[in-house]
C-alpha atoms as a PDB file:
ATOM      1  CA  UNK A   1     -80.450 143.712 -66.736  1.00  0.00           C
ATOM      2  CA  UNK A   2     -77.507 144.766 -68.897  1.00  0.00           C
ATOM      3  CA  UNK A   3     -76.304 143.091 -72.093  1.00  0.00           C
ATOM      4  CA  UNK A   4     -73.336 141.148 -70.587  1.00  0.00           C
ATOM      5  CA  UNK A   5     -75.621 139.532 -68.001  1.00  0.00           C
ATOM      6  CA  UNK A   6     -78.175 138.731 -70.712  1.00  0.00           C
ATOM      7  CA  UNK A   7     -75.445 136.969 -72.726  1.00  0.00           C
ATOM      8  CA  UNK A   8     -74.460 134.947 -69.664  1.00  0.00           C
ATOM      9  CA  UNK A   9     -78.050 133.839 -69.086  1.00  0.00           C
ATOM     10  CA  UNK A  10     -78.362 133.025 -72.794  1.00  0.00           C
ATOM     11  CA  UNK A  11     -75.345 130.727 -72.472  1.00  0.00           C
ATOM     12  CA  UNK A  12     -77.131 128.845 -69.697  1.00  0.00           C
ATOM     13  CA  UNK A  13     -80.188 128.373 -71.931  1.00  0.00           C
ATOM     14  CA  UNK A  14     -77.910 126.966 -74.642  1.00  0.00           C
ATOM     15  CA  UNK A  15     -77.000 124.025 -72.372  1.00  0.00           C
ATOM     16  CA  UNK A  16     -80.221 121.922 -72.617  1.00  0.00           C
ATOM     17  CA  UNK A  17     -80.463 122.742 -76.319  1.00  0.00           C
ATOM     18  CA  UNK A  18     -76.939 121.424 -76.883  1.00  0.00           C
ATOM     19  CA  UNK A  19     -77.674 118.204 -75.006  1.00  0.00           C
ATOM     20  CA  UNK A  20     -80.944 117.593 -76.847  1.00  0.00           C
ATOM     21  CA  UNK A  21     -79.450 118.166 -80.300  1.00  0.00           C
ATOM     22  CA  UNK A  22     -76.376 116.015 -79.668  1.00  0.00           C
ATOM     23  CA  UNK A  23     -78.151 113.080 -78.047  1.00  0.00           C
ATOM     24  CA  UNK A  24     -81.025 112.966 -80.557  1.00  0.00           C
ATOM     25  CA  UNK A  25     -79.302 111.692 -83.703  1.00  0.00           C
ATOM     26  CA  UNK A  26     -82.434 112.140 -85.816  1.00  0.00           C
ATOM     27  CA  UNK A  27     -82.364 115.931 -85.479  1.00  0.00           C
ATOM     28  CA  UNK A  28     -81.466 117.693 -88.713  1.00  0.00           C
ATOM     29  CA  UNK A  29     -82.252 120.857 -90.666  1.00  0.00           C
ATOM     30  CA  UNK A  30     -82.664 121.138 -94.452  1.00  0.00           C
ATOM     31  CA  UNK A  31     -81.232 124.294 -96.001  1.00  0.00           C
ATOM     32  CA  UNK A  32     -82.084 123.986 -99.668  1.00  0.00           C
ATOM     33  CA  UNK A  33     -80.042 121.103-101.029  1.00  0.00           C
ATOM     34  CA  UNK A  34     -77.948 120.901 -97.858  1.00  0.00           C
ATOM     35  CA  UNK A  35     -78.842 118.817 -94.834  1.00  0.00           C
ATOM     36  CA  UNK A  36     -77.382 119.983 -91.539  1.00  0.00           C
ATOM     37  CA  UNK A  37     -77.152 116.973 -89.231  1.00  0.00           C
ATOM     38  CA  UNK A  38     -77.203 116.982 -85.461  1.00  0.00           C
ATOM     39  CA  UNK A  39     -73.428 117.087 -84.921  1.00  0.00           C
ATOM     40  CA  UNK A  40     -73.090 120.294 -86.964  1.00  0.00           C
ATOM     41  CA  UNK A  41     -76.054 121.819 -85.144  1.00  0.00           C
ATOM     42  CA  UNK A  42     -74.472 120.869 -81.826  1.00  0.00           C
ATOM     43  CA  UNK A  43     -71.189 122.420 -82.967  1.00  0.00           C
ATOM     44  CA  UNK A  44     -72.933 125.655 -83.947  1.00  0.00           C
ATOM     45  CA  UNK A  45     -74.727 125.836 -80.588  1.00  0.00           C
ATOM     46  CA  UNK A  46     -71.535 125.077 -78.668  1.00  0.00           C
ATOM     47  CA  UNK A  47     -69.431 127.653 -80.518  1.00  0.00           C
ATOM     48  CA  UNK A  48     -72.175 130.253 -80.154  1.00  0.00           C
ATOM     49  CA  UNK A  49     -72.295 129.647 -76.413  1.00  0.00           C
ATOM     50  CA  UNK A  50     -68.492 129.774 -76.163  1.00  0.00           C
ATOM     51  CA  UNK A  51     -68.563 133.019 -78.120  1.00  0.00           C
ATOM     52  CA  UNK A  52     -70.927 134.583 -75.589  1.00  0.00           C
ATOM     53  CA  UNK A  53     -68.398 133.674 -72.898  1.00  0.00           C
ATOM     54  CA  UNK A  54     -65.775 135.832 -74.568  1.00  0.00           C
ATOM     55  CA  UNK A  55     -68.207 138.584 -75.497  1.00  0.00           C
ATOM     56  CA  UNK A  56     -69.920 139.113 -72.149  1.00  0.00           C
ATOM     57  CA  UNK A  57     -66.644 139.511 -70.278  1.00  0.00           C
ATOM     58  CA  UNK A  58     -65.279 141.902 -72.877  1.00  0.00           C
ATOM     59  CA  UNK A  59     -68.421 144.054 -72.884  1.00  0.00           C
ATOM     60  CA  UNK A  60     -68.686 144.083 -69.082  1.00  0.00           C
ATOM     61  CA  UNK A  61     -65.129 145.367 -68.745  1.00  0.00           C
ATOM     62  CA  UNK A  62     -65.351 147.814 -71.647  1.00  0.00           C
ATOM     63  CA  UNK A  63     -68.686 149.315 -70.604  1.00  0.00           C
ATOM     64  CA  UNK A  64     -67.846 149.063 -66.885  1.00  0.00           C
ATOM     65  CA  UNK A  65     -70.915 146.925 -66.228  1.00  0.00           C
ATOM     66  CA  UNK A  66     -69.317 144.310 -63.992  1.00  0.00           C
ATOM     67  CA  UNK A  67     -72.047 143.264 -61.540  1.00  0.00           C
ATOM     68  CA  UNK A  68     -72.314 140.816 -58.663  1.00  0.00           C
ATOM     69  CA  UNK A  69     -74.839 138.622 -60.474  1.00  0.00           C
ATOM     70  CA  UNK A  70     -72.647 138.556 -63.574  1.00  0.00           C
ATOM     71  CA  UNK A  71     -69.583 137.600 -61.534  1.00  0.00           C
ATOM     72  CA  UNK A  72     -71.618 134.808 -59.938  1.00  0.00           C
ATOM     73  CA  UNK A  73     -73.339 133.461 -63.045  1.00  0.00           C
ATOM     74  CA  UNK A  74     -70.416 133.590 -65.501  1.00  0.00           C
ATOM     75  CA  UNK A  75     -68.359 130.701 -64.036  1.00  0.00           C
ATOM     76  CA  UNK A  76     -71.543 128.714 -63.400  1.00  0.00           C
ATOM     77  CA  UNK A  77     -72.568 129.090 -67.047  1.00  0.00           C
ATOM     78  CA  UNK A  78     -69.089 128.039 -68.225  1.00  0.00           C
ATOM     79  CA  UNK A  79     -69.091 124.914 -66.094  1.00  0.00           C
ATOM     80  CA  UNK A  80     -72.632 123.991 -67.109  1.00  0.00           C
ATOM     81  CA  UNK A  81     -71.724 124.316 -70.776  1.00  0.00           C
ATOM     82  CA  UNK A  82     -68.517 122.274 -70.596  1.00  0.00           C
ATOM     83  CA  UNK A  83     -70.000 119.642 -68.282  1.00  0.00           C
ATOM     84  CA  UNK A  84     -73.073 119.196 -70.468  1.00  0.00           C
ATOM     85  CA  UNK A  85     -70.944 118.883 -73.616  1.00  0.00           C
ATOM     86  CA  UNK A  86     -68.595 116.310 -72.050  1.00  0.00           C
ATOM     87  CA  UNK A  87     -71.408 114.218 -70.543  1.00  0.00           C
ATOM     88  CA  UNK A  88     -73.252 114.247 -73.876  1.00  0.00           C
ATOM     89  CA  UNK A  89     -70.091 113.110 -75.668  1.00  0.00           C
ATOM     90  CA  UNK A  90     -69.782 110.240 -73.190  1.00  0.00           C
ATOM     91  CA  UNK A  91     -73.430 109.377 -73.871  1.00  0.00           C
ATOM     92  CA  UNK A  92     -72.825 109.092 -77.634  1.00  0.00           C
ATOM     93  CA  UNK A  93     -69.576 107.152 -76.961  1.00  0.00           C
ATOM     94  CA  UNK A  94     -67.331 109.802 -78.444  1.00  0.00           C
ATOM     95  CA  UNK A  95     -65.374 110.358 -75.218  1.00  0.00           C
ATOM     96  CA  UNK A  96     -64.154 108.007 -72.455  1.00  0.00           C
ATOM     97  CA  UNK A  97     -65.994 108.586 -69.224  1.00  0.00           C
ATOM     98  CA  UNK A  98     -62.860 108.917 -67.084  1.00  0.00           C
ATOM     99  CA  UNK A  99     -61.691 111.907 -69.112  1.00  0.00           C
ATOM    100  CA  UNK A 100     -64.978 113.695 -68.534  1.00  0.00           C
ATOM    101  CA  UNK A 101     -64.836 112.863 -64.802  1.00  0.00           C
ATOM    102  CA  UNK A 102     -61.341 114.330 -64.462  1.00  0.00           C
ATOM    103  CA  UNK A 103     -62.244 117.592 -66.185  1.00  0.00           C
ATOM    104  CA  UNK A 104     -65.588 118.015 -64.400  1.00  0.00           C
ATOM    105  CA  UNK A 105     -64.040 117.066 -61.056  1.00  0.00           C
ATOM    106  CA  UNK A 106     -61.401 119.733 -61.559  1.00  0.00           C
ATOM    107  CA  UNK A 107     -64.133 122.304 -62.231  1.00  0.00           C
ATOM    108  CA  UNK A 108     -65.929 121.427 -58.994  1.00  0.00           C
ATOM    109  CA  UNK A 109     -62.678 121.520 -57.003  1.00  0.00           C
ATOM    110  CA  UNK A 110     -61.750 124.977 -58.285  1.00  0.00           C
ATOM    111  CA  UNK A 111     -65.334 126.165 -57.714  1.00  0.00           C
ATOM    112  CA  UNK A 112     -65.097 124.988 -54.108  1.00  0.00           C
ATOM    113  CA  UNK A 113     -61.867 126.904 -53.649  1.00  0.00           C
ATOM    114  CA  UNK A 114     -63.454 130.012 -55.142  1.00  0.00           C
ATOM    115  CA  UNK A 115     -66.431 129.670 -52.786  1.00  0.00           C
ATOM    116  CA  UNK A 116     -64.149 129.450 -49.754  1.00  0.00           C
ATOM    117  CA  UNK A 117     -62.172 132.459 -50.954  1.00  0.00           C
ATOM    118  CA  UNK A 118     -65.366 134.453 -51.564  1.00  0.00           C
ATOM    119  CA  UNK A 119     -66.592 133.636 -48.054  1.00  0.00           C
ATOM    120  CA  UNK A 120     -63.344 135.080 -46.729  1.00  0.00           C
ATOM    121  CA  UNK A 121     -63.660 138.215 -48.917  1.00  0.00           C
ATOM    122  CA  UNK A 122     -60.879 137.076 -51.204  1.00  0.00           C
ATOM    123  CA  UNK A 123     -61.183 136.979 -54.996  1.00  0.00           C
ATOM    124  CA  UNK A 124     -59.580 134.285 -57.146  1.00  0.00           C
ATOM    125  CA  UNK A 125     -58.999 135.557 -60.651  1.00  0.00           C
ATOM    126  CA  UNK A 126     -58.594 133.330 -63.690  1.00  0.00           C
ATOM    127  CA  UNK A 127     -54.966 132.521 -64.406  1.00  0.00           C
ATOM    128  CA  UNK A 128     -53.329 132.224 -67.816  1.00  0.00           C
ATOM    129  CA  UNK A 129     -53.306 128.440 -67.416  1.00  0.00           C
ATOM    130  CA  UNK A 130     -57.043 128.489 -66.775  1.00  0.00           C
ATOM    131  CA  UNK A 131     -57.671 130.537 -69.902  1.00  0.00           C
ATOM    132  CA  UNK A 132     -55.460 128.192 -71.941  1.00  0.00           C
ATOM    133  CA  UNK A 133     -57.416 125.257 -70.559  1.00  0.00           C
ATOM    134  CA  UNK A 134     -60.692 126.867 -71.655  1.00  0.00           C
ATOM    135  CA  UNK A 135     -59.430 127.399 -75.207  1.00  0.00           C
ATOM    136  CA  UNK A 136     -58.170 123.808 -75.334  1.00  0.00           C
ATOM    137  CA  UNK A 137     -61.569 122.591 -74.136  1.00  0.00           C
ATOM    138  CA  UNK A 138     -63.403 124.477 -76.870  1.00  0.00           C
ATOM    139  CA  UNK A 139     -61.096 123.059 -79.547  1.00  0.00           C
ATOM    140  CA  UNK A 140     -61.263 119.486 -78.216  1.00  0.00           C
ATOM    141  CA  UNK A 141     -65.036 119.451 -77.711  1.00  0.00           C
ATOM    142  CA  UNK A 142     -65.596 120.960 -81.169  1.00  0.00           C
ATOM    143  CA  UNK A 143     -63.457 118.251 -82.786  1.00  0.00           C
ATOM    144  CA  UNK A 144     -65.224 115.482 -80.863  1.00  0.00           C
ATOM    145  CA  UNK A 145     -68.654 116.868 -81.743  1.00  0.00           C
ATOM    146  CA  UNK A 146     -67.871 116.619 -85.448  1.00  0.00           C
ATOM    147  CA  UNK A 147     -66.326 113.162 -84.954  1.00  0.00           C
ATOM    148  CA  UNK A 148     -69.750 111.745 -84.079  1.00  0.00           C
ATOM    149  CA  UNK A 149     -70.394 111.214 -87.821  1.00  0.00           C
ATOM    150  CA  UNK A 150     -66.820 111.683 -89.006  1.00  0.00           C
ATOM    151  CA  UNK A 151     -64.718 109.015 -87.252  1.00  0.00           C
ATOM    152  CA  UNK A 152     -61.457 110.232 -88.808  1.00  0.00           C
ATOM    153  CA  UNK A 153     -61.570 113.198 -86.388  1.00  0.00           C
ATOM    154  CA  UNK A 154     -62.046 111.061 -83.292  1.00  0.00           C
ATOM    155  CA  UNK A 155     -58.361 110.368 -82.624  1.00  0.00           C
ATOM    156  CA  UNK A 156     -57.284 114.012 -83.024  1.00  0.00           C
ATOM    157  CA  UNK A 157     -60.085 114.953 -80.652  1.00  0.00           C
ATOM    158  CA  UNK A 158     -58.814 112.453 -78.064  1.00  0.00           C
ATOM    159  CA  UNK A 159     -55.295 113.882 -78.375  1.00  0.00           C
ATOM    160  CA  UNK A 160     -56.725 117.338 -77.766  1.00  0.00           C
ATOM    161  CA  UNK A 161     -58.517 116.027 -74.697  1.00  0.00           C
ATOM    162  CA  UNK A 162     -55.188 114.843 -73.319  1.00  0.00           C
ATOM    163  CA  UNK A 163     -54.029 118.437 -73.656  1.00  0.00           C
ATOM    164  CA  UNK A 164     -57.180 119.601 -71.870  1.00  0.00           C
ATOM    165  CA  UNK A 165     -56.505 117.213 -68.973  1.00  0.00           C
ATOM    166  CA  UNK A 166     -52.897 118.383 -68.758  1.00  0.00           C
ATOM    167  CA  UNK A 167     -53.830 122.070 -68.581  1.00  0.00           C
ATOM    168  CA  UNK A 168     -56.810 121.352 -66.290  1.00  0.00           C
ATOM    169  CA  UNK A 169     -54.697 119.550 -63.689  1.00  0.00           C
ATOM    170  CA  UNK A 170     -51.805 121.985 -64.005  1.00  0.00           C
ATOM    171  CA  UNK A 171     -54.047 125.016 -63.549  1.00  0.00           C
ATOM    172  CA  UNK A 172     -55.829 123.348 -60.612  1.00  0.00           C
ATOM    173  CA  UNK A 173     -52.499 122.749 -58.852  1.00  0.00           C
ATOM    174  CA  UNK A 174     -51.536 126.348 -59.565  1.00  0.00           C
ATOM    175  CA  UNK A 175     -54.797 127.652 -58.075  1.00  0.00           C
ATOM    176  CA  UNK A 176     -54.456 125.579 -54.912  1.00  0.00           C
ATOM    177  CA  UNK A 177     -50.784 126.347 -54.371  1.00  0.00           C
ATOM    178  CA  UNK A 178     -51.237 130.059 -54.956  1.00  0.00           C
ATOM    179  CA  UNK A 179     -54.429 130.732 -53.037  1.00  0.00           C
ATOM    180  CA  UNK A 180     -54.989 127.994 -50.476  1.00  0.00           C
ATOM    181  CA  UNK A 181     -52.213 129.215 -48.207  1.00  0.00           C
ATOM    182  CA  UNK A 182     -53.557 132.780 -48.259  1.00  0.00           C
ATOM    183  CA  UNK A 183     -57.111 131.651 -47.629  1.00  0.00           C
ATOM    184  CA  UNK A 184     -55.968 129.281 -44.878  1.00  0.00           C
ATOM    185  CA  UNK A 185     -53.978 132.042 -43.167  1.00  0.00           C
ATOM    186  CA  UNK A 186     -56.968 134.372 -43.413  1.00  0.00           C
ATOM    187  CA  UNK A 187     -59.243 131.745 -41.855  1.00  0.00           C
ATOM    188  CA  UNK A 188     -56.778 131.092 -39.036  1.00  0.00           C
ATOM    189  CA  UNK A 189     -56.461 134.830 -38.358  1.00  0.00           C
ATOM    190  CA  UNK A 190     -60.222 135.261 -38.223  1.00  0.00           C
ATOM    191  CA  UNK A 191     -60.639 132.296 -35.871  1.00  0.00           C
ATOM    192  CA  UNK A 192     -57.862 133.631 -33.655  1.00  0.00           C
ATOM    193  CA  UNK A 193     -59.677 136.951 -33.436  1.00  0.00           C
ATOM    194  CA  UNK A 194     -62.952 135.193 -32.654  1.00  0.00           C
ATOM    195  CA  UNK A 195     -61.296 133.181 -29.861  1.00  0.00           C
ATOM    196  CA  UNK A 196     -59.703 136.357 -28.473  1.00  0.00           C
ATOM    197  CA  UNK A 197     -63.051 138.164 -28.447  1.00  0.00           C
ATOM    198  CA  UNK A 198     -64.690 135.151 -26.808  1.00  0.00           C
ATOM    199  CA  UNK A 199     -62.004 135.052 -24.130  1.00  0.00           C
ATOM    200  CA  UNK A 200     -62.439 138.778 -23.425  1.00  0.00           C
ATOM    201  CA  UNK A 201     -66.179 138.278 -23.167  1.00  0.00           C
ATOM    202  CA  UNK A 202     -65.680 135.462 -20.668  1.00  0.00           C
ATOM    203  CA  UNK A 203     -63.305 137.605 -18.634  1.00  0.00           C
ATOM    204  CA  UNK A 204     -65.838 140.460 -18.540  1.00  0.00           C
ATOM    205  CA  UNK A 205     -68.582 138.071 -17.449  1.00  0.00           C
ATOM    206  CA  UNK A 206     -66.326 136.644 -14.732  1.00  0.00           C
ATOM    207  CA  UNK A 207     -65.488 140.155 -13.465  1.00  0.00           C
ATOM    208  CA  UNK A 208     -69.159 141.065 -13.499  1.00  0.00           C
ATOM    209  CA  UNK A 209     -70.019 137.964 -11.478  1.00  0.00           C
ATOM    210  CA  UNK A 210     -67.276 138.736  -8.955  1.00  0.00           C
ATOM    211  CA  UNK A 211     -68.566 142.308  -8.607  1.00  0.00           C
ATOM    212  CA  UNK A 212     -72.092 141.003  -8.094  1.00  0.00           C
ATOM    213  CA  UNK A 213     -70.903 138.606  -5.394  1.00  0.00           C
ATOM    214  CA  UNK A 214     -68.969 141.351  -3.579  1.00  0.00           C
ATOM    215  CA  UNK A 215     -71.946 143.681  -3.714  1.00  0.00           C
ATOM    216  CA  UNK A 216     -74.147 140.920  -2.362  1.00  0.00           C
ATOM    217  CA  UNK A 217     -71.700 140.168   0.427  1.00  0.00           C
ATOM    218  CA  UNK A 218     -71.462 143.845   1.420  1.00  0.00           C
ATOM    219  CA  UNK A 219     -75.238 144.147   1.390  1.00  0.00           C
ATOM    220  CA  UNK A 220     -75.556 141.085   3.612  1.00  0.00           C
ATOM    221  CA  UNK A 221     -73.023 142.467   6.083  1.00  0.00           C
ATOM    222  CA  UNK A 222     -74.818 145.805   6.219  1.00  0.00           C
ATOM    223  CA  UNK A 223     -78.122 144.074   6.826  1.00  0.00           C
ATOM    224  CA  UNK A 224     -76.679 141.937   9.632  1.00  0.00           C
ATOM    225  CA  UNK A 225     -75.171 145.002  11.310  1.00  0.00           C
ATOM    226  CA  UNK A 226     -78.470 146.821  11.207  1.00  0.00           C
ATOM    227  CA  UNK A 227     -80.328 143.870  12.665  1.00  0.00           C
ATOM    228  CA  UNK A 228     -77.880 143.358  15.560  1.00  0.00           C
ATOM    229  CA  UNK A 229     -77.637 147.058  16.619  1.00  0.00           C
ATOM    230  CA  UNK A 230     -79.530 148.904  19.409  1.00  0.00           C
ATOM    231  CA  UNK A 231     -82.632 150.787  18.448  1.00  0.00           C
ATOM    232  CA  UNK A 232     -82.920 154.150  20.258  1.00  0.00           C
ATOM    233  CA  UNK A 233     -86.239 154.955  21.928  1.00  0.00           C
ATOM    234  CA  UNK A 234     -87.276 158.270  23.400  1.00  0.00           C
ATOM    235  CA  UNK A 235     -87.608 158.423  27.268  1.00  0.00           C
ATOM    236  CA  UNK A 236     -91.039 158.001  28.781  1.00  0.00           C
ATOM    237  CA  UNK A 237     -92.544 161.055  30.432  1.00  0.00           C
ATOM    238  CA  UNK A 238     -94.711 160.485  33.624  1.00  0.00           C
END
């Protein structure tokens, strides 16, 4: 396992830790005279995980270590991280549930489109709108995490979430408009080829059956002619 893949897996392990620290309000760490409460711990975990998202992609491209497992796990880790953070914020009443549903629903919709494209040997790359949405998500979630104990940051965090929803929906529409037609055409072409091959197979089977029937008919005629003919016998000698 290379380092970029290890960072991706580490980001997945950050997810339950983030949820536990954010939901359990009694969690805190004492650093000398300073007390680090749960929202700051959650922020540190979240930013560390988001940092691995940037780092693993950069290292994989720079060191030419792009692998199939890394390509598969990276978007899964991103969606797990964002979904866990949003659901936890809904749990602590820092975020309206409908906002979290919209963002998470968009992630599942785009993931479904990517899965269809992958099944058809077509790759959907992240667009600039998708990258902007990710940066907006990190900023909004970070602000809302701190607002758990600092209510003055709650309203700015909600405004940022409106920006996240805007970019999320806009990028989703862009993905579907740009790639669905190509994927749909590819699927139709493949099905047309499959139907053509099936029709050729049926035609070959029909020709084979006709040939078998003709051969059977000829064999029957030959047998009837042999049965109805005169059998020659040698003359008797007295």
